[in-house]
Amino acid sequence: MRIITGKAKGCQLKTPKGMSTRPTSDRVKESLFSILGNEVEDVNVLDVFAGTGGLGLEALSRGAKSAVFVDKSTADIIKDNLRHCHLEEQGEVMKGDVFTAMQRLAGQGRSFELVFCDPPYHLGLWQRTMTYLAKSSLLSTGGLLVVECGGDENEVLDLPQFKLLRNQKYGHTTQINIYEMVAIE
């Protein structure tokens, strides 16, 4: 796993031993960031279920203003990757439960223009994350939510706060959905 482009281009990312995480492949990451284009520049990023931190680190490398990484088991690896890529000044790592961390961030009045959600597949975690974001102010109006889920998890939630912009399947195992947070009147 590596940073594909930007100021940390080529930086190799440390990954945990075993199969406890499933880092986004370089091919999928390259396609995703090609779709996002300039949408990552000068934004605040929230990377939940961050794993190695690869998505948030890629966004920082491509010009994001800051990134908060949340994961309960890989916080030390994310900190190492931030240091190794010389991006530690722009990154904040929160170790613990994603939903507790999101409540804490919302309680602090924080908001983000880009949220990455790449949880373990088939556990209902991306649906729970979207539901929480729909009810909170963590994702700003006009902000983007990128959900990575299993290739067979092609469910669309009935949340009027989200407009589906893109639904892309990669092979048999991975699905990327990009949503925009819209104002509800």
N, C-alpha and C. Protein backbone atom coordinates (compact mmCIF):
# COMPACT_ATOMS: atom_id res chain seq x y z
N MET A 1 0.85 -1.17 0.00
CA MET A 1 0.00 0.00 0.00
C MET A 1 0.89 1.23 0.00
N ARG A 2 0.49 2.22 -0.81
CA ARG A 2 1.31 3.42 -0.95
C ARG A 2 0.42 4.63 -1.24
N ILE A 3 1.01 5.81 -1.10
CA ILE A 3 0.34 7.04 -1.51
C ILE A 3 0.56 7.17 -3.01
N ILE A 4 -0.51 7.41 -3.76
CA ILE A 4 -0.43 7.39 -5.21
C ILE A 4 0.13 8.68 -5.80
N THR A 5 -0.32 9.82 -5.29
CA THR A 5 0.15 11.09 -5.86
C THR A 5 0.11 12.19 -4.82
N GLY A 6 0.63 13.35 -5.19
CA GLY A 6 0.65 14.49 -4.28
C GLY A 6 1.99 14.62 -3.58
N LYS A 7 1.99 15.39 -2.49
CA LYS A 7 3.26 15.69 -1.82
C LYS A 7 3.88 14.49 -1.12
N ALA A 8 3.11 13.44 -0.84
CA ALA A 8 3.66 12.23 -0.22
C ALA A 8 3.70 11.06 -1.21
N LYS A 9 3.68 11.36 -2.50
CA LYS A 9 3.65 10.34 -3.54
C LYS A 9 4.74 9.28 -3.32
N GLY A 10 4.32 8.02 -3.43
CA GLY A 10 5.26 6.91 -3.33
C GLY A 10 5.51 6.43 -1.91
N CYS A 11 5.05 7.15 -0.93
CA CYS A 11 5.27 6.77 0.47
C CYS A 11 4.58 5.43 0.74
N GLN A 12 5.34 4.46 1.20
CA GLN A 12 4.80 3.14 1.52
C GLN A 12 4.11 3.18 2.88
N LEU A 13 2.92 2.61 2.98
CA LEU A 13 2.16 2.62 4.22
C LEU A 13 2.36 1.32 4.98
N LYS A 14 2.51 1.47 6.27
CA LYS A 14 2.60 0.34 7.17
C LYS A 14 1.20 -0.27 7.29
N THR A 15 1.11 -1.58 7.26
CA THR A 15 -0.18 -2.26 7.40
C THR A 15 -0.09 -3.24 8.57
N PRO A 16 -1.21 -3.52 9.21
CA PRO A 16 -1.19 -4.48 10.30
C PRO A 16 -0.98 -5.90 9.79
N LYS A 17 -0.40 -6.72 10.63
CA LYS A 17 -0.20 -8.13 10.27
C LYS A 17 -1.56 -8.84 10.27
N GLY A 18 -1.68 -9.84 9.43
CA GLY A 18 -2.91 -10.62 9.38
C GLY A 18 -3.96 -9.98 8.50
N MET A 19 -5.17 -10.45 8.63
CA MET A 19 -6.27 -10.01 7.77
C MET A 19 -7.31 -9.21 8.55
N SER A 20 -6.90 -8.54 9.65
CA SER A 20 -7.88 -7.79 10.44
C SER A 20 -8.33 -6.53 9.72
N THR A 21 -7.54 -6.05 8.76
CA THR A 21 -7.97 -4.91 7.96
C THR A 21 -7.94 -5.32 6.49
N ARG A 22 -8.64 -4.54 5.68
CA ARG A 22 -8.71 -4.79 4.25
C ARG A 22 -8.44 -3.46 3.56
N PRO A 23 -7.15 -3.08 3.43
CA PRO A 23 -6.86 -1.78 2.83
C PRO A 23 -7.41 -1.66 1.42
N THR A 24 -7.85 -0.46 1.08
CA THR A 24 -8.35 -0.18 -0.27
C THR A 24 -7.20 -0.36 -1.25
N SER A 25 -7.42 -1.13 -2.28
CA SER A 25 -6.35 -1.40 -3.25
C SER A 25 -5.95 -0.12 -3.98
N ASP A 26 -4.72 -0.09 -4.46
CA ASP A 26 -4.24 1.07 -5.20
C ASP A 26 -5.13 1.36 -6.41
N ARG A 27 -5.60 0.32 -7.08
CA ARG A 27 -6.44 0.51 -8.27
C ARG A 27 -7.76 1.20 -7.91
N VAL A 28 -8.40 0.74 -6.84
CA VAL A 28 -9.66 1.33 -6.41
C VAL A 28 -9.41 2.76 -5.91
N LYS A 29 -8.34 2.94 -5.13
CA LYS A 29 -8.02 4.27 -4.60
C LYS A 29 -7.74 5.26 -5.72
N GLU A 30 -7.00 4.82 -6.73
CA GLU A 30 -6.70 5.69 -7.86
C GLU A 30 -7.97 6.09 -8.60
N SER A 31 -8.87 5.15 -8.81
CA SER A 31 -10.13 5.43 -9.47
C SER A 31 -10.98 6.39 -8.64
N LEU A 32 -11.06 6.14 -7.34
CA LEU A 32 -11.85 6.98 -6.44
C LEU A 32 -11.35 8.42 -6.46
N PHE A 33 -10.05 8.61 -6.33
CA PHE A 33 -9.52 9.97 -6.28
C PHE A 33 -9.56 10.66 -7.64
N SER A 34 -9.59 9.87 -8.70
CA SER A 34 -9.79 10.45 -10.03
C SER A 34 -11.21 11.01 -10.12
N ILE A 35 -12.17 10.28 -9.57
CA ILE A 35 -13.56 10.74 -9.55
C ILE A 35 -13.70 11.99 -8.69
N LEU A 36 -13.07 11.98 -7.50
CA LEU A 36 -13.18 13.11 -6.58
C LEU A 36 -12.49 14.36 -7.12
N GLY A 37 -11.42 14.18 -7.87
CA GLY A 37 -10.70 15.31 -8.47
C GLY A 37 -10.32 16.37 -7.46
N ASN A 38 -10.68 17.61 -7.74
CA ASN A 38 -10.31 18.74 -6.88
C ASN A 38 -11.15 18.84 -5.62
N GLU A 39 -12.13 17.96 -5.45
CA GLU A 39 -13.00 18.00 -4.26
C GLU A 39 -12.24 17.74 -2.97
N VAL A 40 -11.00 17.25 -3.05
CA VAL A 40 -10.23 16.97 -1.83
C VAL A 40 -9.37 18.15 -1.41
N GLU A 41 -9.21 19.12 -2.29
CA GLU A 41 -8.32 20.25 -1.99
C GLU A 41 -8.92 21.18 -0.94
N ASP A 42 -8.12 21.49 0.08
CA ASP A 42 -8.45 22.47 1.11
C ASP A 42 -9.72 22.14 1.88
N VAL A 43 -10.00 20.84 2.09
CA VAL A 43 -11.17 20.43 2.87
C VAL A 43 -10.72 19.72 4.15
N ASN A 44 -11.62 19.65 5.09
CA ASN A 44 -11.41 18.88 6.32
C ASN A 44 -12.01 17.50 6.09
N VAL A 45 -11.22 16.47 6.40
CA VAL A 45 -11.58 15.09 6.11
C VAL A 45 -11.78 14.31 7.40
N LEU A 46 -12.79 13.46 7.41
CA LEU A 46 -13.00 12.50 8.49
C LEU A 46 -12.91 11.12 7.87
N ASP A 47 -11.99 10.29 8.38
CA ASP A 47 -11.78 8.94 7.87
C ASP A 47 -12.15 7.97 8.99
N VAL A 48 -13.37 7.39 8.92
CA VAL A 48 -13.83 6.47 9.95
C VAL A 48 -13.61 5.03 9.51
N PHE A 49 -13.35 4.17 10.49
CA PHE A 49 -12.91 2.79 10.22
C PHE A 49 -11.66 2.89 9.34
N ALA A 50 -10.72 3.72 9.77
CA ALA A 50 -9.61 4.18 8.94
C ALA A 50 -8.60 3.09 8.58
N GLY A 51 -8.48 2.03 9.35
CA GLY A 51 -7.51 0.99 9.03
C GLY A 51 -6.09 1.52 9.00
N THR A 52 -5.46 1.50 7.84
CA THR A 52 -4.09 2.03 7.70
C THR A 52 -4.09 3.56 7.58
N GLY A 53 -5.26 4.13 7.35
CA GLY A 53 -5.36 5.58 7.11
C GLY A 53 -5.14 5.94 5.66
N GLY A 54 -5.11 4.95 4.79
CA GLY A 54 -4.77 5.17 3.39
C GLY A 54 -5.63 6.20 2.66
N LEU A 55 -6.94 6.21 2.90
CA LEU A 55 -7.80 7.16 2.19
C LEU A 55 -7.57 8.58 2.69
N GLY A 56 -7.55 8.77 3.99
CA GLY A 56 -7.31 10.10 4.54
C GLY A 56 -5.91 10.61 4.22
N LEU A 57 -4.93 9.73 4.25
CA LEU A 57 -3.55 10.12 3.91
C LEU A 57 -3.45 10.53 2.44
N GLU A 58 -4.12 9.79 1.58
CA GLU A 58 -4.13 10.15 0.16
C GLU A 58 -4.75 11.53 -0.03
N ALA A 59 -5.85 11.80 0.71
CA ALA A 59 -6.49 13.11 0.62
C ALA A 59 -5.55 14.21 1.10
N LEU A 60 -4.84 13.98 2.21
CA LEU A 60 -3.87 14.97 2.70
C LEU A 60 -2.77 15.21 1.67
N SER A 61 -2.28 14.13 1.08
CA SER A 61 -1.23 14.25 0.08
C SER A 61 -1.69 15.06 -1.13
N ARG A 62 -2.99 15.01 -1.42
CA ARG A 62 -3.56 15.71 -2.57
C ARG A 62 -4.09 17.09 -2.23
N GLY A 63 -3.83 17.58 -1.02
CA GLY A 63 -4.17 18.96 -0.71
C GLY A 63 -5.26 19.20 0.30
N ALA A 64 -5.77 18.15 0.95
CA ALA A 64 -6.76 18.37 2.01
C ALA A 64 -6.12 19.18 3.13
N LYS A 65 -6.92 19.99 3.79
CA LYS A 65 -6.45 20.87 4.87
C LYS A 65 -6.08 20.06 6.11
N SER A 66 -6.95 19.13 6.50
CA SER A 66 -6.73 18.34 7.71
C SER A 66 -7.50 17.04 7.59
N ALA A 67 -7.14 16.08 8.46
CA ALA A 67 -7.85 14.80 8.50
C ALA A 67 -7.88 14.27 9.92
N VAL A 68 -9.05 13.78 10.30
CA VAL A 68 -9.21 13.06 11.56
C VAL A 68 -9.42 11.60 11.20
N PHE A 69 -8.61 10.73 11.79
CA PHE A 69 -8.67 9.30 11.53
C PHE A 69 -9.23 8.61 12.77
N VAL A 70 -10.23 7.74 12.59
CA VAL A 70 -10.82 7.03 13.71
C VAL A 70 -10.78 5.53 13.45
N ASP A 71 -10.18 4.81 14.40
CA ASP A 71 -10.17 3.35 14.35
C ASP A 71 -9.83 2.84 15.74
N LYS A 72 -10.45 1.76 16.15
CA LYS A 72 -10.20 1.28 17.50
C LYS A 72 -8.99 0.36 17.61
N SER A 73 -8.53 -0.21 16.50
CA SER A 73 -7.43 -1.17 16.61
C SER A 73 -6.14 -0.77 15.88
N THR A 74 -6.18 0.25 15.04
CA THR A 74 -4.98 0.56 14.24
C THR A 74 -4.46 1.99 14.45
N ALA A 75 -4.82 2.62 15.54
CA ALA A 75 -4.43 4.01 15.77
C ALA A 75 -2.91 4.20 15.72
N ASP A 76 -2.16 3.28 16.31
CA ASP A 76 -0.70 3.41 16.32
C ASP A 76 -0.12 3.31 14.90
N ILE A 77 -0.69 2.44 14.08
CA ILE A 77 -0.23 2.31 12.69
C ILE A 77 -0.53 3.59 11.92
N ILE A 78 -1.71 4.17 12.13
CA ILE A 78 -2.05 5.42 11.45
C ILE A 78 -1.07 6.53 11.86
N LYS A 79 -0.76 6.62 13.15
CA LYS A 79 0.21 7.62 13.63
C LYS A 79 1.57 7.41 12.96
N ASP A 80 2.02 6.16 12.86
CA ASP A 80 3.28 5.86 12.18
C ASP A 80 3.23 6.28 10.72
N ASN A 81 2.11 5.99 10.05
CA ASN A 81 1.97 6.36 8.64
C ASN A 81 1.95 7.88 8.46
N LEU A 82 1.29 8.60 9.35
CA LEU A 82 1.31 10.07 9.29
C LEU A 82 2.75 10.60 9.40
N ARG A 83 3.50 10.06 10.37
CA ARG A 83 4.90 10.49 10.55
C ARG A 83 5.74 10.14 9.33
N HIS A 84 5.61 8.90 8.88
CA HIS A 84 6.41 8.42 7.75
C HIS A 84 6.15 9.25 6.48
N CYS A 85 4.93 9.70 6.30
CA CYS A 85 4.57 10.51 5.12
C CYS A 85 4.74 12.01 5.36
N HIS A 86 5.22 12.37 6.54
CA HIS A 86 5.43 13.79 6.91
C HIS A 86 4.13 14.59 6.84
N LEU A 87 3.05 13.98 7.32
CA LEU A 87 1.74 14.63 7.31
C LEU A 87 1.16 14.75 8.71
N GLU A 88 1.98 14.50 9.73
CA GLU A 88 1.48 14.47 11.11
C GLU A 88 0.92 15.80 11.59
N GLU A 89 1.37 16.92 11.03
CA GLU A 89 0.86 18.23 11.43
C GLU A 89 -0.60 18.42 11.01
N GLN A 90 -1.03 17.71 9.98
CA GLN A 90 -2.39 17.86 9.46
C GLN A 90 -3.33 16.77 9.93
N GLY A 91 -2.80 15.76 10.64
CA GLY A 91 -3.62 14.62 11.01
C GLY A 91 -3.85 14.51 12.51
N GLU A 92 -5.02 14.03 12.85
CA GLU A 92 -5.39 13.76 14.24
C GLU A 92 -5.93 12.34 14.27
N VAL A 93 -5.46 11.54 15.22
CA VAL A 93 -5.88 10.15 15.32
C VAL A 93 -6.67 9.95 16.60
N MET A 94 -7.84 9.36 16.46
CA MET A 94 -8.68 9.03 17.61
C MET A 94 -8.81 7.51 17.68
N LYS A 95 -8.38 6.96 18.81
CA LYS A 95 -8.47 5.52 19.01
C LYS A 95 -9.74 5.22 19.78
N GLY A 96 -10.57 4.34 19.23
CA GLY A 96 -11.78 3.96 19.93
C GLY A 96 -12.92 3.69 18.98
N ASP A 97 -14.08 3.53 19.56
CA ASP A 97 -15.29 3.25 18.82
C ASP A 97 -15.64 4.42 17.90
N VAL A 98 -15.94 4.13 16.66
CA VAL A 98 -16.24 5.16 15.66
C VAL A 98 -17.45 6.01 16.07
N PHE A 99 -18.48 5.39 16.59
CA PHE A 99 -19.71 6.12 16.90
C PHE A 99 -19.52 7.02 18.13
N THR A 100 -18.74 6.57 19.09
CA THR A 100 -18.40 7.41 20.24
C THR A 100 -17.55 8.60 19.79
N ALA A 101 -16.60 8.33 18.90
CA ALA A 101 -15.73 9.40 18.38
C ALA A 101 -16.54 10.42 17.59
N MET A 102 -17.48 9.96 16.77
CA MET A 102 -18.30 10.90 16.00
C MET A 102 -19.15 11.75 16.92
N GLN A 103 -19.68 11.16 17.98
CA GLN A 103 -20.46 11.94 18.95
C GLN A 103 -19.58 13.00 19.61
N ARG A 104 -18.35 12.63 19.95
CA ARG A 104 -17.42 13.58 20.57
C ARG A 104 -17.10 14.72 19.60
N LEU A 105 -16.82 14.39 18.36
CA LEU A 105 -16.51 15.42 17.36
C LEU A 105 -17.71 16.35 17.14
N ALA A 106 -18.91 15.78 17.05
CA ALA A 106 -20.12 16.60 16.88
C ALA A 106 -20.32 17.49 18.10
N GLY A 107 -20.07 16.96 19.29
CA GLY A 107 -20.19 17.74 20.52
C GLY A 107 -19.22 18.90 20.57
N GLN A 108 -18.09 18.77 19.87
CA GLN A 108 -17.09 19.84 19.79
C GLN A 108 -17.45 20.85 18.70
N GLY A 109 -18.54 20.60 17.98
CA GLY A 109 -18.95 21.50 16.91
C GLY A 109 -18.13 21.36 15.64
N ARG A 110 -17.43 20.24 15.49
CA ARG A 110 -16.60 20.03 14.31
C ARG A 110 -17.47 19.62 13.12
N SER A 111 -17.02 19.98 11.93
CA SER A 111 -17.70 19.51 10.71
C SER A 111 -16.65 19.26 9.64
N PHE A 112 -17.02 18.44 8.67
CA PHE A 112 -16.11 17.98 7.64
C PHE A 112 -16.79 18.10 6.28
N GLU A 113 -15.98 18.37 5.26
CA GLU A 113 -16.49 18.47 3.89
C GLU A 113 -16.37 17.14 3.14
N LEU A 114 -15.58 16.21 3.69
CA LEU A 114 -15.38 14.91 3.06
C LEU A 114 -15.24 13.86 4.16
N VAL A 115 -16.07 12.81 4.06
CA VAL A 115 -16.01 11.71 5.02
C VAL A 115 -15.79 10.42 4.25
N PHE A 116 -14.78 9.65 4.69
CA PHE A 116 -14.55 8.31 4.16
C PHE A 116 -15.06 7.31 5.18
N CYS A 117 -15.85 6.35 4.73
CA CYS A 117 -16.38 5.30 5.59
C CYS A 117 -16.08 3.95 4.94
N ASP A 118 -15.11 3.24 5.51
CA ASP A 118 -14.69 1.95 4.95
C ASP A 118 -14.65 0.89 6.06
N PRO A 119 -15.84 0.51 6.56
CA PRO A 119 -15.89 -0.44 7.67
C PRO A 119 -15.76 -1.88 7.21
N PRO A 120 -15.62 -2.80 8.18
CA PRO A 120 -15.70 -4.22 7.80
C PRO A 120 -17.03 -4.46 7.08
N TYR A 121 -16.98 -5.30 6.08
CA TYR A 121 -18.16 -5.57 5.27
C TYR A 121 -19.20 -6.41 6.03
N HIS A 122 -20.44 -6.28 5.62
CA HIS A 122 -21.57 -7.12 6.04
C HIS A 122 -21.90 -7.06 7.53
N LEU A 123 -21.60 -5.96 8.18
CA LEU A 123 -21.93 -5.83 9.60
C LEU A 123 -22.91 -4.68 9.87
N GLY A 124 -23.39 -4.03 8.79
CA GLY A 124 -24.33 -2.93 8.96
C GLY A 124 -23.69 -1.63 9.43
N LEU A 125 -22.37 -1.57 9.42
CA LEU A 125 -21.67 -0.39 9.96
C LEU A 125 -21.75 0.83 9.06
N TRP A 126 -21.71 0.63 7.74
CA TRP A 126 -21.81 1.80 6.86
C TRP A 126 -23.23 2.37 6.93
N GLN A 127 -24.23 1.52 7.05
CA GLN A 127 -25.61 2.00 7.16
C GLN A 127 -25.78 2.80 8.47
N ARG A 128 -25.22 2.28 9.54
CA ARG A 128 -25.30 2.96 10.84
C ARG A 128 -24.56 4.30 10.79
N THR A 129 -23.42 4.33 10.10
CA THR A 129 -22.66 5.58 9.97
C THR A 129 -23.45 6.61 9.18
N MET A 130 -24.05 6.19 8.06
CA MET A 130 -24.85 7.13 7.26
C MET A 130 -26.02 7.67 8.06
N THR A 131 -26.67 6.82 8.81
CA THR A 131 -27.81 7.24 9.62
C THR A 131 -27.37 8.27 10.66
N TYR A 132 -26.22 8.03 11.29
CA TYR A 132 -25.72 9.00 12.27
C TYR A 132 -25.39 10.33 11.59
N LEU A 133 -24.69 10.27 10.46
CA LEU A 133 -24.31 11.50 9.76
C LEU A 133 -25.53 12.29 9.31
N ALA A 134 -26.59 11.59 8.92
CA ALA A 134 -27.82 12.26 8.47
C ALA A 134 -28.45 13.07 9.60
N LYS A 135 -28.26 12.63 10.84
CA LYS A 135 -28.88 13.29 11.99
C LYS A 135 -27.96 14.29 12.68
N SER A 136 -26.69 14.32 12.30
CA SER A 136 -25.73 15.20 12.97
C SER A 136 -25.29 16.31 12.01
N SER A 137 -24.42 17.16 12.49
CA SER A 137 -23.88 18.22 11.64
C SER A 137 -22.42 17.95 11.29
N LEU A 138 -21.98 16.70 11.43
CA LEU A 138 -20.58 16.37 11.15
C LEU A 138 -20.21 16.54 9.67
N LEU A 139 -21.11 16.18 8.78
CA LEU A 139 -20.86 16.35 7.34
C LEU A 139 -21.59 17.61 6.91
N SER A 140 -20.82 18.57 6.44
CA SER A 140 -21.42 19.85 6.07
C SER A 140 -22.30 19.71 4.82
N THR A 141 -23.28 20.61 4.70
CA THR A 141 -24.14 20.62 3.52
C THR A 141 -23.26 20.82 2.28
N GLY A 142 -23.46 19.99 1.28
CA GLY A 142 -22.63 20.02 0.08
C GLY A 142 -21.41 19.13 0.20
N GLY A 143 -21.16 18.62 1.41
CA GLY A 143 -20.03 17.72 1.63
C GLY A 143 -20.27 16.36 1.02
N LEU A 144 -19.19 15.61 0.87
CA LEU A 144 -19.26 14.29 0.24
C LEU A 144 -18.99 13.18 1.24
N LEU A 145 -19.74 12.11 1.11
CA LEU A 145 -19.54 10.88 1.88
C LEU A 145 -19.17 9.79 0.90
N VAL A 146 -18.02 9.15 1.14
CA VAL A 146 -17.57 8.05 0.31
C VAL A 146 -17.69 6.78 1.15
N VAL A 147 -18.53 5.85 0.69
CA VAL A 147 -18.75 4.60 1.40
C VAL A 147 -18.15 3.47 0.59
N GLU A 148 -17.28 2.69 1.23
CA GLU A 148 -16.76 1.47 0.61
C GLU A 148 -17.41 0.30 1.34
N CYS A 149 -18.03 -0.56 0.57
CA CYS A 149 -18.73 -1.70 1.17
C CYS A 149 -18.55 -2.93 0.27
N GLY A 150 -19.12 -4.03 0.70
CA GLY A 150 -19.02 -5.26 -0.07
C GLY A 150 -19.72 -5.14 -1.41
N GLY A 151 -19.23 -5.83 -2.39
CA GLY A 151 -19.80 -5.77 -3.73
C GLY A 151 -21.25 -6.19 -3.79
N ASP A 152 -21.70 -6.98 -2.81
CA ASP A 152 -23.09 -7.43 -2.78
C ASP A 152 -23.95 -6.60 -1.81
N GLU A 153 -23.40 -5.49 -1.31
CA GLU A 153 -24.14 -4.61 -0.39
C GLU A 153 -24.65 -3.39 -1.15
N ASN A 154 -25.42 -3.62 -2.18
CA ASN A 154 -25.87 -2.55 -3.06
C ASN A 154 -27.19 -1.94 -2.60
N GLU A 155 -27.36 -1.83 -1.31
CA GLU A 155 -28.58 -1.29 -0.72
C GLU A 155 -28.51 0.24 -0.74
N VAL A 156 -29.63 0.88 -1.00
CA VAL A 156 -29.71 2.34 -0.94
C VAL A 156 -30.61 2.70 0.24
N LEU A 157 -30.07 3.45 1.18
CA LEU A 157 -30.85 3.83 2.36
C LEU A 157 -31.79 4.98 2.02
N ASP A 158 -32.94 4.99 2.64
CA ASP A 158 -33.92 6.04 2.43
C ASP A 158 -33.61 7.20 3.39
N LEU A 159 -32.59 7.96 3.05
CA LEU A 159 -32.19 9.11 3.84
C LEU A 159 -32.20 10.33 2.93
N PRO A 160 -33.20 11.20 3.07
CA PRO A 160 -33.32 12.34 2.16
C PRO A 160 -32.16 13.33 2.26
N GLN A 161 -31.35 13.23 3.30
CA GLN A 161 -30.20 14.13 3.45
C GLN A 161 -29.08 13.79 2.47
N PHE A 162 -29.15 12.60 1.87
CA PHE A 162 -28.08 12.16 0.98
C PHE A 162 -28.58 11.97 -0.45
N LYS A 163 -27.82 12.51 -1.37
CA LYS A 163 -28.08 12.32 -2.80
C LYS A 163 -26.95 11.43 -3.34
N LEU A 164 -27.32 10.29 -3.91
CA LEU A 164 -26.33 9.37 -4.48
C LEU A 164 -25.78 9.98 -5.76
N LEU A 165 -24.47 10.22 -5.79
CA LEU A 165 -23.82 10.78 -6.97
C LEU A 165 -23.19 9.71 -7.85
N ARG A 166 -22.71 8.65 -7.20
CA ARG A 166 -21.97 7.63 -7.95
C ARG A 166 -22.08 6.29 -7.24
N ASN A 167 -22.27 5.24 -8.02
CA ASN A 167 -22.33 3.88 -7.52
C ASN A 167 -21.45 3.06 -8.44
N GLN A 168 -20.32 2.60 -7.93
CA GLN A 168 -19.34 1.92 -8.79
C GLN A 168 -18.90 0.61 -8.14
N LYS A 169 -18.95 -0.46 -8.89
CA LYS A 169 -18.51 -1.76 -8.40
C LYS A 169 -17.12 -2.06 -8.95
N TYR A 170 -16.26 -2.61 -8.11
CA TYR A 170 -14.90 -2.98 -8.49
C TYR A 170 -14.74 -4.48 -8.26
N GLY A 171 -14.72 -5.23 -9.35
CA GLY A 171 -14.62 -6.68 -9.22
C GLY A 171 -15.87 -7.23 -8.53
N HIS A 172 -15.69 -8.34 -7.84
CA HIS A 172 -16.81 -8.98 -7.13
C HIS A 172 -16.89 -8.56 -5.68
N THR A 173 -15.84 -7.90 -5.17
CA THR A 173 -15.76 -7.71 -3.73
C THR A 173 -16.01 -6.30 -3.22
N THR A 174 -15.84 -5.29 -4.05
CA THR A 174 -15.86 -3.92 -3.54
C THR A 174 -16.85 -3.04 -4.28
N GLN A 175 -17.57 -2.25 -3.52
CA GLN A 175 -18.53 -1.29 -4.04
C GLN A 175 -18.18 0.07 -3.44
N ILE A 176 -18.12 1.11 -4.27
CA ILE A 176 -17.90 2.47 -3.78
C ILE A 176 -19.14 3.29 -4.13
N ASN A 177 -19.71 3.94 -3.12
CA ASN A 177 -20.83 4.84 -3.32
C ASN A 177 -20.40 6.22 -2.84
N ILE A 178 -20.69 7.23 -3.64
CA ILE A 178 -20.38 8.60 -3.26
C ILE A 178 -21.70 9.36 -3.14
N TYR A 179 -21.89 9.97 -1.98
CA TYR A 179 -23.12 10.71 -1.69
C TYR A 179 -22.78 12.17 -1.41
N GLU A 180 -23.73 13.03 -1.70
CA GLU A 180 -23.62 14.44 -1.33
C GLU A 180 -24.65 14.72 -0.24
N MET A 181 -24.23 15.45 0.80
CA MET A 181 -25.16 15.87 1.84
C MET A 181 -25.92 17.08 1.31
N VAL A 182 -27.24 16.98 1.32
CA VAL A 182 -28.07 18.06 0.78
C VAL A 182 -28.89 18.68 1.91
N ALA A 183 -29.28 19.91 1.71
CA ALA A 183 -30.11 20.62 2.70
C ALA A 183 -31.53 20.09 2.63
N ILE A 184 -32.12 19.87 3.78
CA ILE A 184 -33.51 19.42 3.86
C ILE A 184 -34.36 20.62 4.26
N GLU A 185 -35.39 20.90 3.50
CA GLU A 185 -36.22 22.07 3.78
C GLU A 185 -37.50 21.71 4.46
